[in-house]
C-alpha atoms as a PDB file:
ATOM      1  CA  UNK A   1     -31.213  10.550  -0.677  1.00  0.00           C
ATOM      2  CA  UNK A   2     -30.107  13.040   1.980  1.00  0.00           C
ATOM      3  CA  UNK A   3     -31.841  11.052   4.731  1.00  0.00           C
ATOM      4  CA  UNK A   4     -30.110   7.852   3.612  1.00  0.00           C
ATOM      5  CA  UNK A   5     -26.787   9.702   3.500  1.00  0.00           C
ATOM      6  CA  UNK A   6     -27.338  10.855   7.067  1.00  0.00           C
ATOM      7  CA  UNK A   7     -28.156   7.295   8.177  1.00  0.00           C
ATOM      8  CA  UNK A   8     -24.980   6.032   6.487  1.00  0.00           C
ATOM      9  CA  UNK A   9     -22.857   8.743   8.098  1.00  0.00           C
ATOM     10  CA  UNK A  10     -22.011  10.335   4.745  1.00  0.00           C
ATOM     11  CA  UNK A  11     -24.120  13.496   5.105  1.00  0.00           C
ATOM     12  CA  UNK A  12     -23.889  15.707   8.160  1.00  0.00           C
ATOM     13  CA  UNK A  13     -26.637  15.112  10.689  1.00  0.00           C
ATOM     14  CA  UNK A  14     -26.147  18.190  12.862  1.00  0.00           C
ATOM     15  CA  UNK A  15     -28.649  20.099  10.710  1.00  0.00           C
ATOM     16  CA  UNK A  16     -32.174  19.106   9.716  1.00  0.00           C
ATOM     17  CA  UNK A  17     -33.125  17.785   6.294  1.00  0.00           C
ATOM     18  CA  UNK A  18     -35.214  20.908   5.730  1.00  0.00           C
ATOM     19  CA  UNK A  19     -32.145  23.076   6.346  1.00  0.00           C
ATOM     20  CA  UNK A  20     -30.059  20.966   3.961  1.00  0.00           C
ATOM     21  CA  UNK A  21     -32.697  21.243   1.238  1.00  0.00           C
ATOM     22  CA  UNK A  22     -32.993  25.003   1.799  1.00  0.00           C
ATOM     23  CA  UNK A  23     -29.209  25.301   1.485  1.00  0.00           C
ATOM     24  CA  UNK A  24     -29.154  23.314  -1.762  1.00  0.00           C
ATOM     25  CA  UNK A  25     -31.981  25.370  -3.261  1.00  0.00           C
ATOM     26  CA  UNK A  26     -30.226  28.583  -2.247  1.00  0.00           C
ATOM     27  CA  UNK A  27     -26.958  27.408  -3.807  1.00  0.00           C
ATOM     28  CA  UNK A  28     -28.781  26.463  -7.003  1.00  0.00           C
ATOM     29  CA  UNK A  29     -30.262  29.953  -7.294  1.00  0.00           C
ATOM     30  CA  UNK A  30     -26.890  31.553  -6.604  1.00  0.00           C
ATOM     31  CA  UNK A  31     -25.191  29.330  -9.181  1.00  0.00           C
ATOM     32  CA  UNK A  32     -27.780  30.348 -11.773  1.00  0.00           C
ATOM     33  CA  UNK A  33     -26.720  33.975 -11.316  1.00  0.00           C
ATOM     34  CA  UNK A  34     -23.032  33.237 -11.973  1.00  0.00           C
ATOM     35  CA  UNK A  35     -21.529  34.522 -15.201  1.00  0.00           C
ATOM     36  CA  UNK A  36     -19.737  31.229 -15.879  1.00  0.00           C
ATOM     37  CA  UNK A  37     -22.416  28.530 -15.854  1.00  0.00           C
ATOM     38  CA  UNK A  38     -20.412  25.983 -17.814  1.00  0.00           C
ATOM     39  CA  UNK A  39     -20.513  22.374 -16.678  1.00  0.00           C
ATOM     40  CA  UNK A  40     -16.886  22.629 -15.573  1.00  0.00           C
ATOM     41  CA  UNK A  41     -17.589  25.720 -13.446  1.00  0.00           C
ATOM     42  CA  UNK A  42     -20.673  24.144 -11.881  1.00  0.00           C
ATOM     43  CA  UNK A  43     -18.769  20.962 -11.031  1.00  0.00           C
ATOM     44  CA  UNK A  44     -15.942  22.992  -9.516  1.00  0.00           C
ATOM     45  CA  UNK A  45     -18.313  25.041  -7.323  1.00  0.00           C
ATOM     46  CA  UNK A  46     -20.068  21.872  -6.189  1.00  0.00           C
ATOM     47  CA  UNK A  47     -16.805  20.032  -5.471  1.00  0.00           C
ATOM     48  CA  UNK A  48     -15.185  22.908  -3.566  1.00  0.00           C
ATOM     49  CA  UNK A  49     -18.151  24.424  -1.739  1.00  0.00           C
ATOM     50  CA  UNK A  50     -21.407  22.461  -1.761  1.00  0.00           C
ATOM     51  CA  UNK A  51     -20.112  18.916  -1.200  1.00  0.00           C
ATOM     52  CA  UNK A  52     -17.845  19.896   1.717  1.00  0.00           C
ATOM     53  CA  UNK A  53     -20.769  21.707   3.343  1.00  0.00           C
ATOM     54  CA  UNK A  54     -22.875  18.533   3.192  1.00  0.00           C
ATOM     55  CA  UNK A  55     -20.236  15.958   4.138  1.00  0.00           C
ATOM     56  CA  UNK A  56     -20.332  14.366   7.558  1.00  0.00           C
ATOM     57  CA  UNK A  57     -17.700  15.861   9.792  1.00  0.00           C
ATOM     58  CA  UNK A  58     -17.162  12.923  12.114  1.00  0.00           C
ATOM     59  CA  UNK A  59     -15.460  10.698   9.540  1.00  0.00           C
ATOM     60  CA  UNK A  60     -11.758  10.551  10.270  1.00  0.00           C
ATOM     61  CA  UNK A  61      -9.088  10.891   7.609  1.00  0.00           C
ATOM     62  CA  UNK A  62      -7.973   7.345   8.375  1.00  0.00           C
ATOM     63  CA  UNK A  63     -11.435   6.001   7.714  1.00  0.00           C
ATOM     64  CA  UNK A  64     -11.607   7.853   4.407  1.00  0.00           C
ATOM     65  CA  UNK A  65      -8.229   6.424   3.394  1.00  0.00           C
ATOM     66  CA  UNK A  66      -9.391   2.960   4.393  1.00  0.00           C
ATOM     67  CA  UNK A  67     -12.522   3.295   2.257  1.00  0.00           C
ATOM     68  CA  UNK A  68     -10.416   4.579  -0.628  1.00  0.00           C
ATOM     69  CA  UNK A  69      -8.133   1.552  -0.413  1.00  0.00           C
ATOM     70  CA  UNK A  70     -11.154  -0.775  -0.350  1.00  0.00           C
ATOM     71  CA  UNK A  71     -12.500   0.811  -3.528  1.00  0.00           C
ATOM     72  CA  UNK A  72      -9.085   0.672  -5.208  1.00  0.00           C
ATOM     73  CA  UNK A  73      -8.824  -3.042  -4.343  1.00  0.00           C
ATOM     74  CA  UNK A  74     -12.308  -3.736  -5.710  1.00  0.00           C
ATOM     75  CA  UNK A  75     -11.500  -1.885  -8.934  1.00  0.00           C
ATOM     76  CA  UNK A  76      -8.234  -3.787  -9.263  1.00  0.00           C
ATOM     77  CA  UNK A  77     -10.024  -7.130  -8.839  1.00  0.00           C
ATOM     78  CA  UNK A  78     -12.692  -6.130 -11.356  1.00  0.00           C
ATOM     79  CA  UNK A  79     -10.044  -5.028 -13.873  1.00  0.00           C
ATOM     80  CA  UNK A  80      -8.204  -8.331 -13.444  1.00  0.00           C
ATOM     81  CA  UNK A  81     -11.430 -10.293 -13.962  1.00  0.00           C
ATOM     82  CA  UNK A  82     -12.189  -8.300 -17.111  1.00  0.00           C
ATOM     83  CA  UNK A  83      -8.693  -8.930 -18.448  1.00  0.00           C
ATOM     84  CA  UNK A  84      -9.052 -12.664 -17.772  1.00  0.00           C
ATOM     85  CA  UNK A  85     -12.396 -12.681 -19.580  1.00  0.00           C
ATOM     86  CA  UNK A  86     -10.931 -10.758 -22.525  1.00  0.00           C
ATOM     87  CA  UNK A  87      -8.050 -13.252 -22.748  1.00  0.00           C
ATOM     88  CA  UNK A  88     -10.459 -16.182 -22.662  1.00  0.00           C
ATOM     89  CA  UNK A  89     -12.654 -14.676 -25.368  1.00  0.00           C
ATOM     90  CA  UNK A  90      -9.681 -13.831 -27.591  1.00  0.00           C
ATOM     91  CA  UNK A  91      -8.509 -17.473 -27.454  1.00  0.00           C
ATOM     92  CA  UNK A  92     -11.918 -18.669 -28.630  1.00  0.00           C
ATOM     93  CA  UNK A  93     -11.905 -16.425 -31.704  1.00  0.00           C
END
């Protein structure tokens, strides 16, 4: 998964896969020692610290915004298609 992320430009490639795995294992051990090990706390630590450490650094803010807009458009189209299907099915009943 990490290798594919590096190929896709989503995971930083300036460090080796072995170093990334070592980092993730280390973070897992450190997280296990935390007092608050709730799902919410784990997600917060991952979102604020682990994910940013893994993310590719050469992706510009503009490119991220562009990708976000593409996803929003796809979700909007899917929601519209679902609504059309729901309307069609409700007319048949």
